[in-house]
Amino acid sequence: MDGKSSQQTCRSCHCIDKYNFHVPDHLWQRVVPTNLRHSVVCLECFDRFASEKNIQYAHFLDVVYFAGEKAQMALKVVDSHDS
C-alpha cells in the first residue's frame, strides 16, 4: 500500500468523506451547486449549501453511515429544527 487513503474526498472542501448519506435527486439538484452536482460532496458541505439556501433536508434522511479506521456505524438522523 502506498499510504494514500482509498476513501473518497469531497470536491468542495477536499476532505476525506467519512459519511455516506442519500437524498433524493430533486433535493440534490436544489442544494448542490451546479459545478459539483456530479461529484462527491461530503455531508458537512451539503449541510452548508442547504443552510445557505435555507433548505431543510433532515426529513429526507433515514440513516447516515460513518466509516472510520476502526469502526463503521449507522447514525440516527434527528432534525435540528424539531423540538
PDB file of N, CA and C in Angstrom:
ATOM      1  N   MET A   1       0.847  -1.184   0.000  1.00  0.00           N
ATOM      2  CA  MET A   1       0.000   0.000   0.000  1.00  0.00           C
ATOM      3  C   MET A   1       0.888   1.240   0.000  1.00  0.00           C
ATOM      4  N   ASP A   2       0.510   2.273  -0.720  1.00  0.00           N
ATOM      5  CA  ASP A   2       1.348   3.447  -0.871  1.00  0.00           C
ATOM      6  C   ASP A   2       1.076   4.536   0.156  1.00  0.00           C
ATOM      7  N   GLY A   3       0.200   4.289   1.159  1.00  0.00           N
ATOM      8  CA  GLY A   3      -0.064   5.278   2.191  1.00  0.00           C
ATOM      9  C   GLY A   3      -1.198   6.226   1.860  1.00  0.00           C
ATOM     10  N   LYS A   4      -1.703   6.170   0.639  1.00  0.00           N
ATOM     11  CA  LYS A   4      -2.813   7.035   0.264  1.00  0.00           C
ATOM     12  C   LYS A   4      -4.123   6.407   0.706  1.00  0.00           C
ATOM     13  N   SER A   5      -5.066   7.246   1.096  1.00  0.00           N
ATOM     14  CA  SER A   5      -6.373   6.762   1.532  1.00  0.00           C
ATOM     15  C   SER A   5      -7.181   6.314   0.326  1.00  0.00           C
ATOM     16  N   SER A   6      -7.936   5.236   0.509  1.00  0.00           N
ATOM     17  CA  SER A   6      -8.801   4.761  -0.564  1.00  0.00           C
ATOM     18  C   SER A   6     -10.189   5.366  -0.449  1.00  0.00           C
ATOM     19  N   GLN A   7     -10.409   6.200   0.578  1.00  0.00           N
ATOM     20  CA  GLN A   7     -11.704   6.825   0.749  1.00  0.00           C
ATOM     21  C   GLN A   7     -11.862   7.992  -0.225  1.00  0.00           C
ATOM     22  N   GLN A   8     -13.119   8.272  -0.531  1.00  0.00           N
ATOM     23  CA  GLN A   8     -13.428   9.384  -1.427  1.00  0.00           C
ATOM     24  C   GLN A   8     -13.161  10.713  -0.723  1.00  0.00           C
ATOM     25  N   THR A   9     -12.875  11.735  -1.518  1.00  0.00           N
ATOM     26  CA  THR A   9     -12.729  13.074  -0.962  1.00  0.00           C
ATOM     27  C   THR A   9     -13.786  13.988  -1.551  1.00  0.00           C
ATOM     28  N   CYS A  10     -14.226  14.923  -0.733  1.00  0.00           N
ATOM     29  CA  CYS A  10     -15.233  15.902  -1.140  1.00  0.00           C
ATOM     30  C   CYS A  10     -14.620  16.847  -2.167  1.00  0.00           C
ATOM     31  N   ARG A  11     -15.348  17.111  -3.238  1.00  0.00           N
ATOM     32  CA  ARG A  11     -14.851  18.013  -4.285  1.00  0.00           C
ATOM     33  C   ARG A  11     -15.028  19.474  -3.910  1.00  0.00           C
ATOM     34  N   SER A  12     -15.730  19.749  -2.813  1.00  0.00           N
ATOM     35  CA  SER A  12     -15.900  21.121  -2.361  1.00  0.00           C
ATOM     36  C   SER A  12     -14.802  21.518  -1.379  1.00  0.00           C
ATOM     37  N   CYS A  13     -14.628  20.722  -0.298  1.00  0.00           N
ATOM     38  CA  CYS A  13     -13.654  21.069   0.745  1.00  0.00           C
ATOM     39  C   CYS A  13     -12.385  20.231   0.673  1.00  0.00           C
ATOM     40  N   HIS A  14     -12.383  19.179  -0.154  1.00  0.00           N
ATOM     41  CA  HIS A  14     -11.240  18.293  -0.371  1.00  0.00           C
ATOM     42  C   HIS A  14     -10.860  17.453   0.853  1.00  0.00           C
ATOM     43  N   CYS A  15     -11.773  17.330   1.816  1.00  0.00           N
ATOM     44  CA  CYS A  15     -11.553  16.472   2.980  1.00  0.00           C
ATOM     45  C   CYS A  15     -12.038  15.058   2.665  1.00  0.00           C
ATOM     46  N   ILE A  16     -11.513  14.087   3.411  1.00  0.00           N
ATOM     47  CA  ILE A  16     -11.984  12.709   3.261  1.00  0.00           C
ATOM     48  C   ILE A  16     -13.442  12.647   3.669  1.00  0.00           C
ATOM     49  N   ASP A  17     -14.243  12.023   2.834  1.00  0.00           N
ATOM     50  CA  ASP A  17     -15.675  11.888   3.076  1.00  0.00           C
ATOM     51  C   ASP A  17     -15.916  10.638   3.908  1.00  0.00           C
ATOM     52  N   LYS A  18     -16.197  10.808   5.198  1.00  0.00           N
ATOM     53  CA  LYS A  18     -16.387   9.670   6.103  1.00  0.00           C
ATOM     54  C   LYS A  18     -17.851   9.324   6.319  1.00  0.00           C
ATOM     55  N   TYR A  19     -18.765  10.117   5.791  1.00  0.00           N
ATOM     56  CA  TYR A  19     -20.191   9.880   5.987  1.00  0.00           C
ATOM     57  C   TYR A  19     -20.860   9.570   4.660  1.00  0.00           C
ATOM     58  N   ASN A  20     -21.616   8.494   4.635  1.00  0.00           N
ATOM     59  CA  ASN A  20     -22.372   8.129   3.447  1.00  0.00           C
ATOM     60  C   ASN A  20     -23.836   8.449   3.722  1.00  0.00           C
ATOM     61  N   PHE A  21     -24.435   9.224   2.854  1.00  0.00           N
ATOM     62  CA  PHE A  21     -25.830   9.607   3.012  1.00  0.00           C
ATOM     63  C   PHE A  21     -26.480   9.645   1.643  1.00  0.00           C
ATOM     64  N   HIS A  22     -27.797   9.600   1.638  1.00  0.00           N
ATOM     65  CA  HIS A  22     -28.531   9.652   0.384  1.00  0.00           C
ATOM     66  C   HIS A  22     -29.711  10.597   0.533  1.00  0.00           C
ATOM     67  N   VAL A  23     -29.868  11.469  -0.437  1.00  0.00           N
ATOM     68  CA  VAL A  23     -31.050  12.335  -0.531  1.00  0.00           C
ATOM     69  C   VAL A  23     -31.616  12.157  -1.934  1.00  0.00           C
ATOM     70  N   PRO A  24     -32.902  12.436  -2.111  1.00  0.00           N
ATOM     71  CA  PRO A  24     -33.497  12.320  -3.447  1.00  0.00           C
ATOM     72  C   PRO A  24     -32.820  13.253  -4.456  1.00  0.00           C
ATOM     73  N   ASP A  25     -32.847  12.830  -5.697  1.00  0.00           N
ATOM     74  CA  ASP A  25     -32.208  13.617  -6.769  1.00  0.00           C
ATOM     75  C   ASP A  25     -32.720  15.051  -6.834  1.00  0.00           C
ATOM     76  N   HIS A  26     -34.021  15.241  -6.669  1.00  0.00           N
ATOM     77  CA  HIS A  26     -34.566  16.602  -6.784  1.00  0.00           C
ATOM     78  C   HIS A  26     -34.006  17.511  -5.680  1.00  0.00           C
ATOM     79  N   LEU A  27     -33.739  16.958  -4.511  1.00  0.00           N
ATOM     80  CA  LEU A  27     -33.165  17.745  -3.423  1.00  0.00           C
ATOM     81  C   LEU A  27     -31.689  18.034  -3.696  1.00  0.00           C
ATOM     82  N   TRP A  28     -30.953  17.024  -4.151  1.00  0.00           N
ATOM     83  CA  TRP A  28     -29.545  17.212  -4.511  1.00  0.00           C
ATOM     84  C   TRP A  28     -29.412  18.349  -5.536  1.00  0.00           C
ATOM     85  N   GLN A  29     -30.282  18.365  -6.519  1.00  0.00           N
ATOM     86  CA  GLN A  29     -30.251  19.401  -7.562  1.00  0.00           C
ATOM     87  C   GLN A  29     -30.496  20.798  -6.991  1.00  0.00           C
ATOM     88  N   ARG A  30     -31.360  20.888  -5.990  1.00  0.00           N
ATOM     89  CA  ARG A  30     -31.669  22.188  -5.369  1.00  0.00           C
ATOM     90  C   ARG A  30     -30.554  22.675  -4.460  1.00  0.00           C
ATOM     91  N   VAL A  31     -29.870  21.756  -3.801  1.00  0.00           N
ATOM     92  CA  VAL A  31     -28.902  22.128  -2.768  1.00  0.00           C
ATOM     93  C   VAL A  31     -27.484  22.299  -3.307  1.00  0.00           C
ATOM     94  N   VAL A  32     -27.006  21.364  -4.083  1.00  0.00           N
ATOM     95  CA  VAL A  32     -25.598  21.335  -4.503  1.00  0.00           C
ATOM     96  C   VAL A  32     -25.376  22.281  -5.696  1.00  0.00           C
ATOM     97  N   PRO A  33     -24.329  23.100  -5.629  1.00  0.00           N
ATOM     98  CA  PRO A  33     -24.027  23.991  -6.757  1.00  0.00           C
ATOM     99  C   PRO A  33     -23.838  23.197  -8.057  1.00  0.00           C
ATOM    100  N   THR A  34     -24.214  23.796  -9.147  1.00  0.00           N
ATOM    101  CA  THR A  34     -24.196  23.150 -10.457  1.00  0.00           C
ATOM    102  C   THR A  34     -22.861  22.487 -10.774  1.00  0.00           C
ATOM    103  N   ASN A  35     -21.760  23.146 -10.485  1.00  0.00           N
ATOM    104  CA  ASN A  35     -20.445  22.604 -10.841  1.00  0.00           C
ATOM    105  C   ASN A  35     -20.034  21.397 -10.000  1.00  0.00           C
ATOM    106  N   LEU A  36     -20.782  21.083  -8.934  1.00  0.00           N
ATOM    107  CA  LEU A  36     -20.445  19.954  -8.065  1.00  0.00           C
ATOM    108  C   LEU A  36     -21.478  18.829  -8.102  1.00  0.00           C
ATOM    109  N   ARG A  37     -22.514  18.973  -8.878  1.00  0.00           N
ATOM    110  CA  ARG A  37     -23.643  18.030  -8.853  1.00  0.00           C
ATOM    111  C   ARG A  37     -23.289  16.608  -9.269  1.00  0.00           C
ATOM    112  N   HIS A  38     -22.234  16.420 -10.019  1.00  0.00           N
ATOM    113  CA  HIS A  38     -21.841  15.081 -10.458  1.00  0.00           C
ATOM    114  C   HIS A  38     -20.575  14.619  -9.741  1.00  0.00           C
ATOM    115  N   SER A  39     -20.345  15.183  -8.547  1.00  0.00           N
ATOM    116  CA  SER A  39     -19.138  14.892  -7.768  1.00  0.00           C
ATOM    117  C   SER A  39     -19.507  14.430  -6.366  1.00  0.00           C
ATOM    118  N   VAL A  40     -18.505  13.956  -5.645  1.00  0.00           N
ATOM    119  CA  VAL A  40     -18.680  13.625  -4.235  1.00  0.00           C
ATOM    120  C   VAL A  40     -18.750  14.933  -3.449  1.00  0.00           C
ATOM    121  N   VAL A  41     -19.776  15.063  -2.638  1.00  0.00           N
ATOM    122  CA  VAL A  41     -19.918  16.205  -1.732  1.00  0.00           C
ATOM    123  C   VAL A  41     -20.147  15.625  -0.337  1.00  0.00           C
ATOM    124  N   CYS A  42     -19.334  16.018   0.620  1.00  0.00           N
ATOM    125  CA  CYS A  42     -19.461  15.476   1.970  1.00  0.00           C
ATOM    126  C   CYS A  42     -20.706  16.045   2.662  1.00  0.00           C
ATOM    127  N   LEU A  43     -21.089  15.394   3.719  1.00  0.00           N
ATOM    128  CA  LEU A  43     -22.282  15.804   4.447  1.00  0.00           C
ATOM    129  C   LEU A  43     -22.127  17.200   5.035  1.00  0.00           C
ATOM    130  N   GLU A  44     -20.940  17.529   5.506  1.00  0.00           N
ATOM    131  CA  GLU A  44     -20.728  18.869   6.064  1.00  0.00           C
ATOM    132  C   GLU A  44     -20.930  19.955   4.999  1.00  0.00           C
ATOM    133  N   CYS A  45     -20.404  19.761   3.810  1.00  0.00           N
ATOM    134  CA  CYS A  45     -20.594  20.744   2.736  1.00  0.00           C
ATOM    135  C   CYS A  45     -22.045  20.769   2.278  1.00  0.00           C
ATOM    136  N   PHE A  46     -22.673  19.576   2.156  1.00  0.00           N
ATOM    137  CA  PHE A  46     -24.082  19.521   1.783  1.00  0.00           C
ATOM    138  C   PHE A  46     -24.911  20.318   2.789  1.00  0.00           C
ATOM    139  N   ASP A  47     -24.631  20.141   4.065  1.00  0.00           N
ATOM    140  CA  ASP A  47     -25.350  20.870   5.108  1.00  0.00           C
ATOM    141  C   ASP A  47     -25.146  22.383   4.968  1.00  0.00           C
ATOM    142  N   ARG A  48     -23.914  22.778   4.679  1.00  0.00           N
ATOM    143  CA  ARG A  48     -23.620  24.212   4.500  1.00  0.00           C
ATOM    144  C   ARG A  48     -24.370  24.772   3.303  1.00  0.00           C
ATOM    145  N   PHE A  49     -24.359  24.047   2.181  1.00  0.00           N
ATOM    146  CA  PHE A  49     -25.087  24.508   0.997  1.00  0.00           C
ATOM    147  C   PHE A  49     -26.582  24.632   1.291  1.00  0.00           C
ATOM    148  N   ALA A  50     -27.137  23.643   1.989  1.00  0.00           N
ATOM    149  CA  ALA A  50     -28.569  23.670   2.332  1.00  0.00           C
ATOM    150  C   ALA A  50     -28.872  24.840   3.253  1.00  0.00           C
ATOM    151  N   SER A  51     -27.997  25.083   4.210  1.00  0.00           N
ATOM    152  CA  SER A  51     -28.188  26.193   5.140  1.00  0.00           C
ATOM    153  C   SER A  51     -28.144  27.534   4.417  1.00  0.00           C
ATOM    154  N   GLU A  52     -27.204  27.682   3.499  1.00  0.00           N
ATOM    155  CA  GLU A  52     -27.093  28.927   2.724  1.00  0.00           C
ATOM    156  C   GLU A  52     -28.359  29.208   1.929  1.00  0.00           C
ATOM    157  N   LYS A  53     -29.055  28.143   1.524  1.00  0.00           N
ATOM    158  CA  LYS A  53     -30.289  28.286   0.737  1.00  0.00           C
ATOM    159  C   LYS A  53     -31.540  28.117   1.598  1.00  0.00           C
ATOM    160  N   ASN A  54     -31.341  27.959   2.907  1.00  0.00           N
ATOM    161  CA  ASN A  54     -32.440  27.774   3.856  1.00  0.00           C
ATOM    162  C   ASN A  54     -33.339  26.594   3.465  1.00  0.00           C
ATOM    163  N   ILE A  55     -32.710  25.489   3.103  1.00  0.00           N
ATOM    164  CA  ILE A  55     -33.431  24.278   2.704  1.00  0.00           C
ATOM    165  C   ILE A  55     -33.308  23.254   3.827  1.00  0.00           C
ATOM    166  N   GLN A  56     -34.443  22.816   4.343  1.00  0.00           N
ATOM    167  CA  GLN A  56     -34.474  21.765   5.360  1.00  0.00           C
ATOM    168  C   GLN A  56     -34.411  20.416   4.648  1.00  0.00           C
ATOM    169  N   TYR A  57     -33.527  19.542   5.092  1.00  0.00           N
ATOM    170  CA  TYR A  57     -33.374  18.267   4.400  1.00  0.00           C
ATOM    171  C   TYR A  57     -33.388  17.054   5.322  1.00  0.00           C
ATOM    172  N   ALA A  58     -33.317  17.242   6.623  1.00  0.00           N
ATOM    173  CA  ALA A  58     -33.182  16.117   7.555  1.00  0.00           C
ATOM    174  C   ALA A  58     -34.290  15.088   7.385  1.00  0.00           C
ATOM    175  N   HIS A  59     -35.501  15.530   7.101  1.00  0.00           N
ATOM    176  CA  HIS A  59     -36.617  14.587   6.956  1.00  0.00           C
ATOM    177  C   HIS A  59     -36.470  13.689   5.721  1.00  0.00           C
ATOM    178  N   PHE A  60     -35.533  14.010   4.838  1.00  0.00           N
ATOM    179  CA  PHE A  60     -35.261  13.155   3.679  1.00  0.00           C
ATOM    180  C   PHE A  60     -34.250  12.047   3.999  1.00  0.00           C
ATOM    181  N   LEU A  61     -33.572  12.169   5.125  1.00  0.00           N
ATOM    182  CA  LEU A  61     -32.558  11.188   5.514  1.00  0.00           C
ATOM    183  C   LEU A  61     -33.161  10.168   6.471  1.00  0.00           C
ATOM    184  N   ASP A  62     -32.927   8.904   6.213  1.00  0.00           N
ATOM    185  CA  ASP A  62     -33.335   7.867   7.148  1.00  0.00           C
ATOM    186  C   ASP A  62     -32.183   7.527   8.081  1.00  0.00           C
ATOM    187  N   VAL A  63     -31.025   7.363   7.491  1.00  0.00           N
ATOM    188  CA  VAL A  63     -29.842   6.976   8.255  1.00  0.00           C
ATOM    189  C   VAL A  63     -28.607   7.523   7.547  1.00  0.00           C
ATOM    190  N   VAL A  64     -27.585   7.809   8.333  1.00  0.00           N
ATOM    191  CA  VAL A  64     -26.293   8.246   7.811  1.00  0.00           C
ATOM    192  C   VAL A  64     -25.277   7.220   8.300  1.00  0.00           C
ATOM    193  N   TYR A  65     -24.399   6.804   7.430  1.00  0.00           N
ATOM    194  CA  TYR A  65     -23.392   5.814   7.780  1.00  0.00           C
ATOM    195  C   TYR A  65     -22.036   6.491   7.937  1.00  0.00           C
ATOM    196  N   PHE A  66     -21.329   6.102   8.997  1.00  0.00           N
ATOM    197  CA  PHE A  66     -19.978   6.596   9.253  1.00  0.00           C
ATOM    198  C   PHE A  66     -18.993   5.464   9.004  1.00  0.00           C
ATOM    199  N   ALA A  67     -17.910   5.766   8.300  1.00  0.00           N
ATOM    200  CA  ALA A  67     -16.868   4.777   8.057  1.00  0.00           C
ATOM    201  C   ALA A  67     -15.543   5.336   8.562  1.00  0.00           C
ATOM    202  N   GLY A  68     -15.091   4.807   9.694  1.00  0.00           N
ATOM    203  CA  GLY A  68     -13.820   5.231  10.273  1.00  0.00           C
ATOM    204  C   GLY A  68     -12.741   4.195  10.048  1.00  0.00           C
ATOM    205  N   GLU A  69     -11.610   4.402  10.673  1.00  0.00           N
ATOM    206  CA  GLU A  69     -10.496   3.464  10.549  1.00  0.00           C
ATOM    207  C   GLU A  69     -10.761   2.166  11.307  1.00  0.00           C
ATOM    208  N   LYS A  70     -11.403   2.255  12.461  1.00  0.00           N
ATOM    209  CA  LYS A  70     -11.591   1.095  13.328  1.00  0.00           C
ATOM    210  C   LYS A  70     -13.047   0.687  13.497  1.00  0.00           C
ATOM    211  N   ALA A  71     -13.970   1.484  13.010  1.00  0.00           N
ATOM    212  CA  ALA A  71     -15.381   1.152  13.194  1.00  0.00           C
ATOM    213  C   ALA A  71     -16.221   1.769  12.092  1.00  0.00           C
ATOM    214  N   GLN A  72     -17.330   1.118  11.848  1.00  0.00           N
ATOM    215  CA  GLN A  72     -18.353   1.649  10.948  1.00  0.00           C
ATOM    216  C   GLN A  72     -19.653   1.627  11.720  1.00  0.00           C
ATOM    217  N   MET A  73     -20.501   2.598  11.498  1.00  0.00           N
ATOM    218  CA  MET A  73     -21.756   2.629  12.235  1.00  0.00           C
ATOM    219  C   MET A  73     -22.835   3.359  11.460  1.00  0.00           C
ATOM    220  N   ALA A  74     -24.070   3.044  11.803  1.00  0.00           N
ATOM    221  CA  ALA A  74     -25.231   3.737  11.262  1.00  0.00           C
ATOM    222  C   ALA A  74     -25.685   4.730  12.320  1.00  0.00           C
ATOM    223  N   LEU A  75     -25.959   5.943  11.899  1.00  0.00           N
ATOM    224  CA  LEU A  75     -26.360   7.001  12.820  1.00  0.00           C
ATOM    225  C   LEU A  75     -27.808   7.393  12.555  1.00  0.00           C
ATOM    226  N   LYS A  76     -28.547   7.583  13.611  1.00  0.00           N
ATOM    227  CA  LYS A  76     -29.933   8.017  13.503  1.00  0.00           C
ATOM    228  C   LYS A  76     -29.953   9.498  13.161  1.00  0.00           C
ATOM    229  N   VAL A  77     -30.836   9.911  12.286  1.00  0.00           N
ATOM    230  CA  VAL A  77     -30.946  11.295  11.873  1.00  0.00           C
ATOM    231  C   VAL A  77     -31.991  11.995  12.728  1.00  0.00           C
ATOM    232  N   VAL A  78     -31.607  13.151  13.289  1.00  0.00           N
ATOM    233  CA  VAL A  78     -32.507  13.963  14.085  1.00  0.00           C
ATOM    234  C   VAL A  78     -32.509  15.357  13.484  1.00  0.00           C
ATOM    235  N   ASP A  79     -33.678  15.863  13.152  1.00  0.00           N
ATOM    236  CA  ASP A  79     -33.802  17.204  12.583  1.00  0.00           C
ATOM    237  C   ASP A  79     -33.548  18.229  13.672  1.00  0.00           C
ATOM    238  N   SER A  80     -32.586  19.121  13.469  1.00  0.00           N
ATOM    239  CA  SER A  80     -32.242  20.126  14.477  1.00  0.00           C
ATOM    240  C   SER A  80     -33.357  21.146  14.685  1.00  0.00           C
ATOM    241  N   HIS A  81     -34.355  21.154  13.820  1.00  0.00           N
ATOM    242  CA  HIS A  81     -35.473  22.087  13.959  1.00  0.00           C
ATOM    243  C   HIS A  81     -36.655  21.481  14.692  1.00  0.00           C
ATOM    244  N   ASP A  82     -36.582  20.176  15.005  1.00  0.00           N
ATOM    245  CA  ASP A  82     -37.635  19.543  15.792  1.00  0.00           C
ATOM    246  C   ASP A  82     -37.402  19.857  17.261  1.00  0.00           C
ATOM    247  N   SER A  83     -38.469  20.133  17.957  1.00  0.00           N
ATOM    248  CA  SER A  83     -38.322  20.438  19.397  1.00  0.00           C
ATOM    249  C   SER A  83     -38.879  19.313  20.220  1.00  0.00           C
TER     250      SER A  83
END
